[in-house]
């Protein structure tokens, strides 16, 4: 992920699910712009964390 320009605080693999934690606004913005987020709840959470500035 460092090659994409952001570094997560933690990355944990559980079976086929990955949990990614980020505490930096810059990292969250880079992640949201690098990957297509389709899940409505996750879109809402990212939008909330970025102050409503996220549009998928």
PDB file of N, CA and C in Angstrom:
ATOM      1  N   UNK A   1       0.805  -1.191   0.000  1.00  0.00           N
ATOM      2  CA  UNK A   1       0.000   0.000   0.000  1.00  0.00           C
ATOM      3  C   UNK A   1       0.848   1.254   0.000  1.00  0.00           C
ATOM      4  N   UNK A   2       2.066   1.124   0.472  1.00  0.00           N
ATOM      5  CA  UNK A   2       2.939   2.287   0.456  1.00  0.00           C
ATOM      6  C   UNK A   2       3.208   2.749  -0.970  1.00  0.00           C
ATOM      7  N   UNK A   3       3.161   1.832  -1.928  1.00  0.00           N
ATOM      8  CA  UNK A   3       3.386   2.215  -3.322  1.00  0.00           C
ATOM      9  C   UNK A   3       2.260   3.104  -3.853  1.00  0.00           C
ATOM     10  N   UNK A   4       1.091   3.055  -3.209  1.00  0.00           N
ATOM     11  CA  UNK A   4      -0.029   3.911  -3.600  1.00  0.00           C
ATOM     12  C   UNK A   4       0.025   5.265  -2.907  1.00  0.00           C
ATOM     13  N   UNK A   5       0.924   5.413  -1.935  1.00  0.00           N
ATOM     14  CA  UNK A   5       1.105   6.696  -1.281  1.00  0.00           C
ATOM     15  C   UNK A   5       0.486   6.816   0.094  1.00  0.00           C
ATOM     16  N   UNK A   6      -0.157   5.763   0.604  1.00  0.00           N
ATOM     17  CA  UNK A   6      -0.724   5.838   1.952  1.00  0.00           C
ATOM     18  C   UNK A   6      -0.275   4.650   2.778  1.00  0.00           C
ATOM     19  N   UNK A   7      -0.286   4.849   4.088  1.00  0.00           N
ATOM     20  CA  UNK A   7       0.112   3.784   5.002  1.00  0.00           C
ATOM     21  C   UNK A   7      -0.975   3.601   6.047  1.00  0.00           C
ATOM     22  N   UNK A   8      -1.566   2.413   6.129  1.00  0.00           N
ATOM     23  CA  UNK A   8      -2.599   2.174   7.142  1.00  0.00           C
ATOM     24  C   UNK A   8      -1.979   2.046   8.523  1.00  0.00           C
ATOM     25  N   UNK A   9      -2.774   2.340   9.541  1.00  0.00           N
ATOM     26  CA  UNK A   9      -2.327   2.166  10.913  1.00  0.00           C
ATOM     27  C   UNK A   9      -2.218   0.684  11.224  1.00  0.00           C
ATOM     28  N   UNK A  10      -3.178  -0.106  10.742  1.00  0.00           N
ATOM     29  CA  UNK A  10      -3.103  -1.557  10.903  1.00  0.00           C
ATOM     30  C   UNK A  10      -3.860  -2.226   9.772  1.00  0.00           C
ATOM     31  N   UNK A  11      -3.420  -3.422   9.443  1.00  0.00           N
ATOM     32  CA  UNK A  11      -4.067  -4.237   8.428  1.00  0.00           C
ATOM     33  C   UNK A  11      -4.144  -5.644   8.984  1.00  0.00           C
ATOM     34  N   UNK A  12      -5.351  -6.183   9.059  1.00  0.00           N
ATOM     35  CA  UNK A  12      -5.548  -7.482   9.679  1.00  0.00           C
ATOM     36  C   UNK A  12      -6.389  -8.352   8.755  1.00  0.00           C
ATOM     37  N   UNK A  13      -5.875  -9.529   8.438  1.00  0.00           N
ATOM     38  CA  UNK A  13      -6.603 -10.463   7.583  1.00  0.00           C
ATOM     39  C   UNK A  13      -7.302 -11.507   8.454  1.00  0.00           C
ATOM     40  N   UNK A  14      -8.602 -11.640   8.263  1.00  0.00           N
ATOM     41  CA  UNK A  14      -9.393 -12.653   8.959  1.00  0.00           C
ATOM     42  C   UNK A  14     -10.164 -13.423   7.908  1.00  0.00           C
ATOM     43  N   UNK A  15      -9.748 -14.632   7.631  1.00  0.00           N
ATOM     44  CA  UNK A  15     -10.328 -15.463   6.573  1.00  0.00           C
ATOM     45  C   UNK A  15     -10.274 -14.693   5.262  1.00  0.00           C
ATOM     46  N   UNK A  16     -11.405 -14.328   4.684  1.00  0.00           N
ATOM     47  CA  UNK A  16     -11.408 -13.601   3.413  1.00  0.00           C
ATOM     48  C   UNK A  16     -11.754 -12.123   3.594  1.00  0.00           C
ATOM     49  N   UNK A  17     -11.708 -11.650   4.825  1.00  0.00           N
ATOM     50  CA  UNK A  17     -12.044 -10.261   5.129  1.00  0.00           C
ATOM     51  C   UNK A  17     -10.783  -9.551   5.607  1.00  0.00           C
ATOM     52  N   UNK A  18     -10.570  -8.344   5.090  1.00  0.00           N
ATOM     53  CA  UNK A  18      -9.444  -7.534   5.530  1.00  0.00           C
ATOM     54  C   UNK A  18      -9.972  -6.320   6.264  1.00  0.00           C
ATOM     55  N   UNK A  19      -9.357  -6.029   7.391  1.00  0.00           N
ATOM     56  CA  UNK A  19      -9.727  -4.847   8.171  1.00  0.00           C
ATOM     57  C   UNK A  19      -8.588  -3.851   8.060  1.00  0.00           C
ATOM     58  N   UNK A  20      -8.919  -2.671   7.668  1.00  0.00           N
ATOM     59  CA  UNK A  20      -7.935  -1.631   7.433  1.00  0.00           C
ATOM     60  C   UNK A  20      -8.286  -0.441   8.309  1.00  0.00           C
ATOM     61  N   UNK A  21      -7.348  -0.017   9.133  1.00  0.00           N
ATOM     62  CA  UNK A  21      -7.582   1.144   9.994  1.00  0.00           C
ATOM     63  C   UNK A  21      -6.628   2.255   9.598  1.00  0.00           C
ATOM     64  N   UNK A  22      -7.194   3.462   9.476  1.00  0.00           N
ATOM     65  CA  UNK A  22      -6.395   4.640   9.165  1.00  0.00           C
ATOM     66  C   UNK A  22      -6.854   5.775  10.063  1.00  0.00           C
ATOM     67  N   UNK A  23      -5.909   6.519  10.580  1.00  0.00           N
ATOM     68  CA  UNK A  23      -6.247   7.629  11.459  1.00  0.00           C
ATOM     69  C   UNK A  23      -5.809   8.964  10.882  1.00  0.00           C
ATOM     70  N   UNK A  24      -5.338   8.958   9.667  1.00  0.00           N
ATOM     71  CA  UNK A  24      -4.897  10.180   9.014  1.00  0.00           C
ATOM     72  C   UNK A  24      -5.887  10.548   7.910  1.00  0.00           C
ATOM     73  N   UNK A  25      -6.330  11.784   7.907  1.00  0.00           N
ATOM     74  CA  UNK A  25      -7.267  12.246   6.875  1.00  0.00           C
ATOM     75  C   UNK A  25      -6.640  12.115   5.483  1.00  0.00           C
ATOM     76  N   UNK A  26      -5.358  12.453   5.390  1.00  0.00           N
ATOM     77  CA  UNK A  26      -4.650  12.359   4.111  1.00  0.00           C
ATOM     78  C   UNK A  26      -4.669  10.916   3.595  1.00  0.00           C
ATOM     79  N   UNK A  27      -4.380   9.952   4.472  1.00  0.00           N
ATOM     80  CA  UNK A  27      -4.391   8.551   4.066  1.00  0.00           C
ATOM     81  C   UNK A  27      -5.789   8.105   3.648  1.00  0.00           C
ATOM     82  N   UNK A  28      -6.809   8.548   4.368  1.00  0.00           N
ATOM     83  CA  UNK A  28      -8.177   8.179   4.023  1.00  0.00           C
ATOM     84  C   UNK A  28      -8.569   8.765   2.665  1.00  0.00           C
ATOM     85  N   UNK A  29      -8.192  10.005   2.399  1.00  0.00           N
ATOM     86  CA  UNK A  29      -8.482  10.617   1.106  1.00  0.00           C
ATOM     87  C   UNK A  29      -7.801   9.856  -0.033  1.00  0.00           C
ATOM     88  N   UNK A  30      -6.529   9.505   0.156  1.00  0.00           N
ATOM     89  CA  UNK A  30      -5.806   8.755  -0.871  1.00  0.00           C
ATOM     90  C   UNK A  30      -6.434   7.382  -1.103  1.00  0.00           C
ATOM     91  N   UNK A  31      -6.811   6.711  -0.029  1.00  0.00           N
ATOM     92  CA  UNK A  31      -7.448   5.400  -0.154  1.00  0.00           C
ATOM     93  C   UNK A  31      -8.766   5.509  -0.920  1.00  0.00           C
ATOM     94  N   UNK A  32      -9.589   6.476  -0.555  1.00  0.00           N
ATOM     95  CA  UNK A  32     -10.899   6.636  -1.185  1.00  0.00           C
ATOM     96  C   UNK A  32     -10.772   6.976  -2.669  1.00  0.00           C
ATOM     97  N   UNK A  33      -9.731   7.677  -3.038  1.00  0.00           N
ATOM     98  CA  UNK A  33      -9.540   8.026  -4.447  1.00  0.00           C
ATOM     99  C   UNK A  33      -8.872   6.900  -5.228  1.00  0.00           C
ATOM    100  N   UNK A  34      -8.182   5.990  -4.535  1.00  0.00           N
ATOM    101  CA  UNK A  34      -7.464   4.892  -5.191  1.00  0.00           C
ATOM    102  C   UNK A  34      -8.341   3.679  -5.469  1.00  0.00           C
ATOM    103  N   UNK A  35      -9.393   3.490  -4.676  1.00  0.00           N
ATOM    104  CA  UNK A  35     -10.237   2.314  -4.804  1.00  0.00           C
ATOM    105  C   UNK A  35     -11.692   2.723  -4.998  1.00  0.00           C
ATOM    106  N   UNK A  36     -12.414   1.946  -5.774  1.00  0.00           N
ATOM    107  CA  UNK A  36     -13.836   2.205  -5.992  1.00  0.00           C
ATOM    108  C   UNK A  36     -14.625   1.649  -4.807  1.00  0.00           C
ATOM    109  N   UNK A  37     -15.223   2.516  -4.043  1.00  0.00           N
ATOM    110  CA  UNK A  37     -16.021   2.123  -2.877  1.00  0.00           C
ATOM    111  C   UNK A  37     -17.472   2.045  -3.345  1.00  0.00           C
ATOM    112  N   UNK A  38     -18.100   0.874  -3.172  1.00  0.00           N
ATOM    113  CA  UNK A  38     -19.473   0.695  -3.650  1.00  0.00           C
ATOM    114  C   UNK A  38     -20.482   0.464  -2.529  1.00  0.00           C
ATOM    115  N   UNK A  39     -20.033   0.091  -1.364  1.00  0.00           N
ATOM    116  CA  UNK A  39     -20.948  -0.215  -0.267  1.00  0.00           C
ATOM    117  C   UNK A  39     -21.484   1.093   0.329  1.00  0.00           C
ATOM    118  N   UNK A  40     -22.829   1.269   0.334  1.00  0.00           N
ATOM    119  CA  UNK A  40     -23.412   2.546   0.777  1.00  0.00           C
ATOM    120  C   UNK A  40     -23.035   2.956   2.200  1.00  0.00           C
ATOM    121  N   UNK A  41     -22.925   2.003   3.109  1.00  0.00           N
ATOM    122  CA  UNK A  41     -22.568   2.336   4.495  1.00  0.00           C
ATOM    123  C   UNK A  41     -21.119   2.819   4.556  1.00  0.00           C
ATOM    124  N   UNK A  42     -20.240   2.168   3.820  1.00  0.00           N
ATOM    125  CA  UNK A  42     -18.831   2.584   3.821  1.00  0.00           C
ATOM    126  C   UNK A  42     -18.671   3.951   3.151  1.00  0.00           C
ATOM    127  N   UNK A  43     -19.436   4.202   2.093  1.00  0.00           N
ATOM    128  CA  UNK A  43     -19.415   5.520   1.447  1.00  0.00           C
ATOM    129  C   UNK A  43     -19.843   6.598   2.443  1.00  0.00           C
ATOM    130  N   UNK A  44     -20.888   6.311   3.207  1.00  0.00           N
ATOM    131  CA  UNK A  44     -21.379   7.270   4.203  1.00  0.00           C
ATOM    132  C   UNK A  44     -20.343   7.515   5.294  1.00  0.00           C
ATOM    133  N   UNK A  45     -19.669   6.456   5.747  1.00  0.00           N
ATOM    134  CA  UNK A  45     -18.659   6.601   6.802  1.00  0.00           C
ATOM    135  C   UNK A  45     -17.472   7.421   6.313  1.00  0.00           C
ATOM    136  N   UNK A  46     -17.030   7.160   5.088  1.00  0.00           N
ATOM    137  CA  UNK A  46     -15.911   7.931   4.545  1.00  0.00           C
ATOM    138  C   UNK A  46     -16.328   9.388   4.371  1.00  0.00           C
ATOM    139  N   UNK A  47     -17.538   9.605   3.845  1.00  0.00           N
ATOM    140  CA  UNK A  47     -18.043  10.969   3.690  1.00  0.00           C
ATOM    141  C   UNK A  47     -18.123  11.701   5.010  1.00  0.00           C
ATOM    142  N   UNK A  48     -18.570  10.999   6.049  1.00  0.00           N
ATOM    143  CA  UNK A  48     -18.658  11.593   7.375  1.00  0.00           C
ATOM    144  C   UNK A  48     -17.272  11.961   7.912  1.00  0.00           C
ATOM    145  N   UNK A  49     -16.320  11.070   7.744  1.00  0.00           N
ATOM    146  CA  UNK A  49     -14.954  11.309   8.232  1.00  0.00           C
ATOM    147  C   UNK A  49     -14.283  12.446   7.475  1.00  0.00           C
ATOM    148  N   UNK A  50     -14.642  12.613   6.197  1.00  0.00           N
ATOM    149  CA  UNK A  50     -14.028  13.670   5.405  1.00  0.00           C
ATOM    150  C   UNK A  50     -14.889  14.928   5.380  1.00  0.00           C
ATOM    151  N   UNK A  51     -15.871  15.012   6.231  1.00  0.00           N
ATOM    152  CA  UNK A  51     -16.698  16.212   6.324  1.00  0.00           C
ATOM    153  C   UNK A  51     -17.608  16.396   5.140  1.00  0.00           C
ATOM    154  N   UNK A  52     -18.094  15.276   4.573  1.00  0.00           N
ATOM    155  CA  UNK A  52     -19.013  15.339   3.456  1.00  0.00           C
ATOM    156  C   UNK A  52     -18.358  15.626   2.121  1.00  0.00           C
ATOM    157  N   UNK A  53     -17.026  15.535   2.062  1.00  0.00           N
ATOM    158  CA  UNK A  53     -16.310  15.871   0.841  1.00  0.00           C
ATOM    159  C   UNK A  53     -16.064  14.690  -0.065  1.00  0.00           C
ATOM    160  N   UNK A  54     -16.595  13.527   0.240  1.00  0.00           N
ATOM    161  CA  UNK A  54     -16.318  12.323  -0.552  1.00  0.00           C
ATOM    162  C   UNK A  54     -17.483  12.015  -1.477  1.00  0.00           C
ATOM    163  N   UNK A  55     -17.206  11.903  -2.742  1.00  0.00           N
ATOM    164  CA  UNK A  55     -18.193  11.497  -3.742  1.00  0.00           C
ATOM    165  C   UNK A  55     -17.581  10.340  -4.508  1.00  0.00           C
ATOM    166  N   UNK A  56     -18.185   9.136  -4.435  1.00  0.00           N
ATOM    167  CA  UNK A  56     -17.580   7.970  -5.103  1.00  0.00           C
ATOM    168  C   UNK A  56     -17.626   8.076  -6.607  1.00  0.00           C
TER     169      UNK A  56
END
